[in-house]
Protein backbone atom coordinates (compact mmCIF):
# COMPACT_ATOMS: atom_id res chain seq x y z
CA MET A 1 76.78 180.70 111.72
CA SER A 2 80.11 179.15 112.44
CA SER A 3 83.77 180.29 111.27
CA TYR A 4 85.51 177.15 110.38
CA LEU A 5 89.35 176.85 109.91
CA ILE A 6 90.75 174.10 107.51
CA ASP A 7 94.07 172.29 107.98
CA ALA A 8 94.03 171.40 104.72
CA SER A 9 96.72 169.23 104.15
CA VAL A 10 95.15 166.19 107.26
CA TYR A 11 92.16 166.43 104.52
CA ILE A 12 93.98 166.33 101.31
CA PHE A 13 96.02 163.12 102.71
CA ARG A 14 93.24 161.42 104.07
CA TYR A 15 91.39 161.54 100.31
CA TYR A 16 95.11 160.68 98.79
CA PHE A 17 95.37 157.16 100.41
CA ALA A 18 91.56 156.66 101.08
CA LEU A 19 90.04 156.23 97.96
CA PRO A 20 90.82 154.61 94.57
CA PRO A 21 92.31 156.16 91.53
CA ASN A 22 88.91 156.47 89.84
CA TRP A 23 89.66 160.45 88.65
CA GLU A 24 92.22 161.51 86.06
CA SER A 25 93.02 165.20 85.10
CA ARG A 26 93.35 165.87 81.46
CA SER A 27 96.87 165.86 81.99
CA GLY A 28 96.94 162.61 82.67
CA TYR A 29 97.58 162.36 86.68
CA SER A 30 95.23 160.53 89.32
CA THR A 31 93.04 162.92 90.92
CA GLU A 32 91.26 161.31 93.56
CA ALA A 33 92.57 163.52 96.56
CA VAL A 34 91.38 166.11 94.63
CA TYR A 35 87.83 164.47 94.47
CA GLY A 36 87.42 163.94 97.90
CA PHE A 37 88.50 167.20 99.12
CA THR A 38 86.49 169.67 96.53
CA ASN A 39 83.29 167.12 97.78
CA PHE A 40 84.47 168.18 101.58
CA LEU A 41 84.89 171.70 100.93
CA LEU A 42 81.56 171.58 99.07
CA ASP A 43 80.15 170.06 102.62
CA MET A 44 81.56 172.98 104.33
CA LEU A 45 80.42 176.03 102.26
CA ALA A 46 76.93 174.02 102.61
CA ARG A 47 77.31 174.67 106.31
CA ASP A 48 76.46 178.43 105.22
CA PRO A 49 79.66 179.23 106.88
CA ARG A 50 80.30 182.82 108.34
CA HIS A 51 84.03 182.98 107.43
CA ILE A 52 86.07 180.21 106.19
CA ALA A 53 89.52 179.49 105.12
CA CYS A 54 92.15 176.75 104.14
CA ALA A 55 95.61 176.52 105.48
CA PHE A 56 98.20 174.60 103.14
CA ASP A 57 101.59 173.12 104.09
CA GLU A 58 104.49 174.18 101.44
CA SER A 59 107.46 174.41 104.14
CA LEU A 60 108.61 171.04 104.13
CA GLY A 61 112.33 171.53 104.40
CA SER A 62 112.29 175.55 104.21
CA CYS A 63 110.07 176.27 107.75
CA PHE A 64 111.81 178.77 109.89
CA ARG A 65 112.12 175.40 112.83
CA ASN A 66 114.36 174.00 110.29
CA GLU A 67 116.73 176.87 111.07
CA LEU A 68 116.21 176.03 114.70
CA TYR A 69 116.88 172.37 114.22
CA PRO A 70 117.86 171.39 111.21
CA ASP A 71 116.38 167.51 111.76
CA TYR A 72 112.76 168.86 112.23
CA LYS A 73 110.76 166.45 110.11
CA CYS A 74 113.57 165.32 108.45
CA SER A 75 111.99 161.40 108.10
CA ARG A 76 109.16 163.17 105.79
CA ALA A 77 109.50 162.28 102.29
CA MET A 78 109.04 165.49 99.59
CA PRO A 79 105.82 164.90 97.25
CA ASP A 80 106.77 163.08 94.78
CA GLU A 81 105.21 164.98 91.15
CA ALA A 82 101.66 162.88 90.93
CA LEU A 83 101.01 163.70 94.81
CA ALA A 84 102.16 167.31 94.22
CA PHE A 85 99.75 168.14 91.16
CA GLN A 86 97.44 166.75 93.58
CA LEU A 87 97.91 169.28 96.36
CA ALA A 88 98.45 172.22 93.73
CA ALA A 89 94.88 171.08 91.92
CA CYS A 90 93.22 171.38 95.80
CA ARG A 91 94.50 174.76 96.25
CA GLU A 92 93.25 175.99 93.28
CA MET A 93 90.09 174.24 93.67
CA SER A 94 89.51 175.92 97.21
CA GLU A 95 90.11 179.06 95.53
CA ALA A 96 87.98 178.69 92.85
CA LEU A 97 85.07 177.92 95.40
CA GLY A 98 85.52 181.21 96.91
CA ILE A 99 87.36 180.38 100.13
CA ALA A 100 90.55 182.28 101.70
CA SER A 101 94.22 179.96 101.15
CA PHE A 102 96.99 180.68 102.19
CA SER A 103 100.18 178.93 102.27
CA SER A 104 104.06 179.83 103.11
CA GLU A 105 107.38 178.46 102.48
CA ARG A 106 108.78 179.90 105.86
CA TYR A 107 105.57 178.91 107.75
CA GLU A 108 103.21 176.03 108.19
CA ALA A 109 100.12 175.46 108.27
CA ASP A 110 99.40 175.28 111.76
CA ASP A 111 101.25 178.59 112.25
CA ILE A 112 99.06 180.11 109.82
CA LEU A 113 95.90 178.43 111.62
CA ALA A 114 97.24 180.36 114.82
CA THR A 115 97.19 183.57 113.07
CA LEU A 116 93.73 183.30 111.53
CA THR A 117 92.21 181.94 114.33
CA ARG A 118 93.89 185.26 116.20
CA LYS A 119 92.21 187.59 113.68
CA LEU A 120 88.83 185.45 114.35
CA ARG A 121 88.93 185.19 117.98
CA ARG A 122 85.88 187.00 118.50
CA HIS A 123 83.98 184.84 116.32
CA LYS A 124 85.25 181.42 118.42
CA PRO A 125 86.44 179.76 114.91
CA ILE A 126 86.28 176.05 114.62
CA VAL A 127 89.26 174.30 113.35
CA VAL A 128 88.98 171.43 111.49
CA SER A 129 91.12 169.30 112.16
CA ARG A 130 92.69 166.10 114.05
CA ASP A 131 96.21 167.26 114.56
CA LYS A 132 96.71 167.50 118.69
CA ASP A 133 99.80 170.16 118.03
CA LEU A 134 96.52 172.41 117.38
CA GLY A 135 95.06 171.84 121.01
CA GLN A 136 96.95 175.31 121.96
CA LEU A 137 94.52 176.91 120.06
CA LEU A 138 91.76 176.45 122.21
CA ALA A 139 93.79 178.78 124.15
CA ARG A 140 94.05 181.28 121.87
CA GLY A 141 90.28 181.54 120.61
CA ALA A 142 89.23 178.54 118.72
CA SER A 143 86.04 177.21 120.24
CA SER A 144 86.94 173.36 119.10
CA LEU A 145 89.03 171.14 117.24
CA TRP A 146 86.77 169.12 115.03
CA ASP A 147 87.80 165.82 113.26
CA PHE A 148 85.46 165.98 110.23
CA ALA A 149 86.05 162.57 109.05
CA ALA A 150 84.79 160.98 112.55
CA ASP A 151 82.05 163.88 113.28
CA ARG A 152 84.15 164.32 116.76
CA HIS A 153 84.67 167.69 118.27
CA MET A 154 87.37 168.35 120.98
CA ASP A 155 86.98 171.39 123.51
CA SER A 156 89.20 172.67 125.81
CA GLU A 157 87.45 170.24 128.74
CA ALA A 158 87.67 167.20 126.36
CA LEU A 159 91.52 167.80 125.61
CA GLU A 160 92.34 168.51 129.03
CA GLN A 161 90.75 164.93 129.64
CA LYS A 162 92.60 163.44 126.80
CA PHE A 163 95.84 164.83 127.37
CA GLY A 164 96.08 165.65 131.23
CA VAL A 165 97.33 169.24 130.47
CA LYS A 166 95.46 172.44 129.67
CA PRO A 167 95.26 173.56 125.93
CA ALA A 168 97.69 176.64 126.72
CA GLN A 169 100.11 173.39 127.88
CA ILE A 170 99.72 171.43 124.84
CA ALA A 171 103.23 173.12 123.25
CA ASP A 172 105.01 172.00 126.65
CA TYR A 173 103.43 168.45 127.16
CA LEU A 174 105.23 168.06 123.47
CA ALA A 175 108.35 169.51 124.23
CA LEU A 176 108.51 166.89 127.22
CA VAL A 177 107.24 164.04 125.34
CA GLY A 178 108.52 164.30 122.01
CA ASP A 179 106.69 164.33 118.57
CA SER A 180 108.17 161.14 116.47
CA ARG A 181 105.46 162.43 113.99
CA ASP A 182 108.27 165.92 113.24
CA ASP A 183 110.89 164.11 114.22
CA ILE A 184 111.13 166.41 118.17
CA PRO A 185 113.12 164.63 120.92
CA GLY A 186 111.42 164.43 123.65
CA ILE A 187 113.39 163.71 127.53
CA PRO A 188 114.31 160.05 128.00
CA GLY A 189 111.90 158.37 130.22
CA VAL A 190 109.19 161.18 129.85
CA GLY A 191 105.99 159.89 128.47
CA PRO A 192 103.08 161.18 128.36
CA LYS A 193 101.75 160.74 132.10
CA THR A 194 105.15 162.03 133.55
CA ALA A 195 104.53 164.98 131.47
CA ALA A 196 100.84 165.48 132.58
CA ARG A 197 102.25 165.14 136.44
CA LEU A 198 104.99 167.74 135.83
CA LEU A 199 102.90 170.34 134.06
CA GLU A 200 100.26 169.81 136.39
CA ALA A 201 102.70 170.80 139.21
CA PHE A 202 104.72 173.50 136.99
CA GLU A 203 103.02 175.85 134.73
CA GLY A 204 105.01 175.54 131.97
CA ILE A 205 108.48 174.35 131.01
CA GLU A 206 110.02 178.01 131.83
CA MET A 207 108.67 177.54 135.14
CA LEU A 208 109.52 173.97 135.57
CA LEU A 209 113.26 174.65 134.71
CA VAL A 210 113.41 177.56 136.84
CA GLN A 211 112.47 175.65 140.06
CA LEU A 212 113.94 172.49 138.90
CA GLU A 213 115.10 171.47 142.44
CA GLN A 214 111.48 170.84 143.65
CA VAL A 215 111.16 168.22 140.82
CA ALA A 216 112.90 165.44 143.18
CA SER A 217 110.65 166.18 145.70
CA LEU A 218 107.54 165.12 143.41
CA PRO A 219 105.21 162.48 144.28
CA ILE A 220 106.51 160.60 140.91
CA ARG A 221 108.47 157.33 140.49
CA GLY A 222 111.92 158.21 140.11
CA ALA A 223 112.06 161.80 140.79
CA LYS A 224 115.11 162.36 141.69
CA GLY A 225 116.55 160.68 138.38
CA LEU A 226 113.90 162.72 136.59
CA ALA A 227 115.23 166.20 138.08
CA GLN A 228 118.75 165.12 136.78
CA ARG A 229 117.37 164.04 133.15
CA LEU A 230 115.60 167.56 132.88
CA GLN A 231 118.98 168.92 133.93
CA GLU A 232 121.06 167.37 131.53
CA PHE A 233 118.66 168.01 128.40
CA GLU A 234 117.68 171.67 129.53
CA GLU A 235 118.99 172.87 125.82
CA GLN A 236 116.61 170.42 124.27
CA LEU A 237 113.40 170.89 126.03
CA ARG A 238 114.23 174.68 125.39
CA MET A 239 114.91 174.25 121.90
CA ALA A 240 111.60 171.75 121.48
CA LYS A 241 109.34 174.15 122.91
CA ARG A 242 110.31 176.12 120.19
CA LEU A 243 109.90 173.86 117.71
CA THR A 244 105.94 172.91 119.32
CA SER A 245 105.15 176.56 120.11
CA LEU A 246 102.77 177.63 117.28
CA GLU A 247 103.95 181.41 115.32
CA GLU A 248 100.41 183.63 115.51
CA ASN A 249 101.56 187.09 114.37
CA ILE A 250 102.23 186.10 110.31
CA PRO A 251 101.63 188.94 107.96
CA LEU A 252 99.13 187.84 105.95
CA GLY A 253 97.93 191.22 104.92
CA ILE A 254 94.48 190.41 105.44
CA THR A 255 91.01 191.64 106.96
CA VAL A 256 88.77 189.36 109.00
CA ALA A 257 86.28 190.49 105.90
CA ASP A 258 88.81 188.99 103.41
CA LEU A 259 87.63 185.60 105.33
CA ARG A 260 83.87 185.55 104.40
CA PRO A 261 82.88 182.88 101.65
CA GLN A 262 83.38 184.89 98.07
CA VAL A 263 80.89 184.72 95.31
CA VAL A 264 81.92 182.47 93.00
CA ASP A 265 81.87 182.24 88.98
CA LEU A 266 80.38 178.99 88.99
CA ASP A 267 81.32 178.45 85.26
CA LEU A 268 84.73 178.93 85.52
CA ALA A 269 84.32 176.21 89.09
CA GLN A 270 82.72 173.79 86.94
CA ALA A 271 85.39 174.09 83.93
CA LEU A 272 87.74 173.41 86.28
CA ALA A 273 86.53 170.54 87.65
CA GLU A 274 85.82 169.09 84.19
CA GLU A 275 90.04 170.04 83.51
CA PHE A 276 90.56 168.02 86.83
CA GLY A 277 88.47 164.84 86.23
CA ILE A 278 85.72 165.32 88.68
CA GLY A 279 82.82 166.63 86.58
CA GLY A 280 80.38 164.35 88.54
CA LEU A 281 80.56 167.03 91.09
CA LYS A 282 79.28 169.63 88.83
CA GLY A 283 75.60 169.29 90.08
CA LYS A 284 76.70 169.72 93.60
CA MET A 285 78.54 172.49 92.82
CA GLU A 286 75.39 174.14 91.47
CA ARG A 287 73.00 173.72 94.32
CA THR A 288 75.54 174.69 96.73
CA LEU A 289 77.13 177.91 95.46
CA SER A 290 74.03 179.16 93.60
CA ARG A 291 72.33 178.73 96.98
CA MET A 292 75.30 180.68 98.42
CA ASP A 293 75.57 183.34 95.91
CA GLY A 294 72.17 184.17 96.25
CA GLU A 295 72.80 184.75 100.12
CA LEU A 296 75.74 186.54 99.58
CA ALA A 297 74.24 188.82 96.86
């Protein structure tokens, strides 16, 4: 039995953009993302997880990282009313299916996943996501990142082969190259290969900045100019590292036992499915949840 920690927004947005608007709630909102996400959760529950939890994002514009850097994720548009409805409905369905669900206005889903990974460290949880930022969790107890849609697992060795750095260096790597998706600036002229070479020579950004004079002698093209740029952008680099590092001590007020699948009120879950216009999943709900209830009893 495996433990799964789900990066919910990744899959909600996947279904929102990939599925046609063939489902509609009683209130008139399209619910294709709710259908896809609920179906996905039932597939996860069918795997008989030892633990399972979903982390949702509610901190766009209010995250503690915006206090450090106001332009953090500034290019991300806030969800419109229709998308906001589906996001809330997905959270409601997750809870109705007995899955522990978490969100925060101050912390991001990635930080919640880092905190849950720390709690489940002994169980070596699988983080269900394709987000490279979460690669650092492979150094904190996660056994792999699982891209569910592609059914592709990435463990520590695979991550190092892909990025050229160790999982514990992912935050340093992203601080050096930048992350346009999150509007985090990188060091000019530093791409993936240069960042990997720097992190091969130095343990991390802190060690790099302490030993900056050694950069000019590295066998890297333009090493002297690189050393000067790193010195020029030192404060930006330190700030970027704070943005890319995940917080793992969020006070969620839970125990490991709270992350086990819970016995579900099937009638209530099916009624909610009807409300969201995804009644076609009621049969799958009954098959999945009835079997689980027998095992949890």
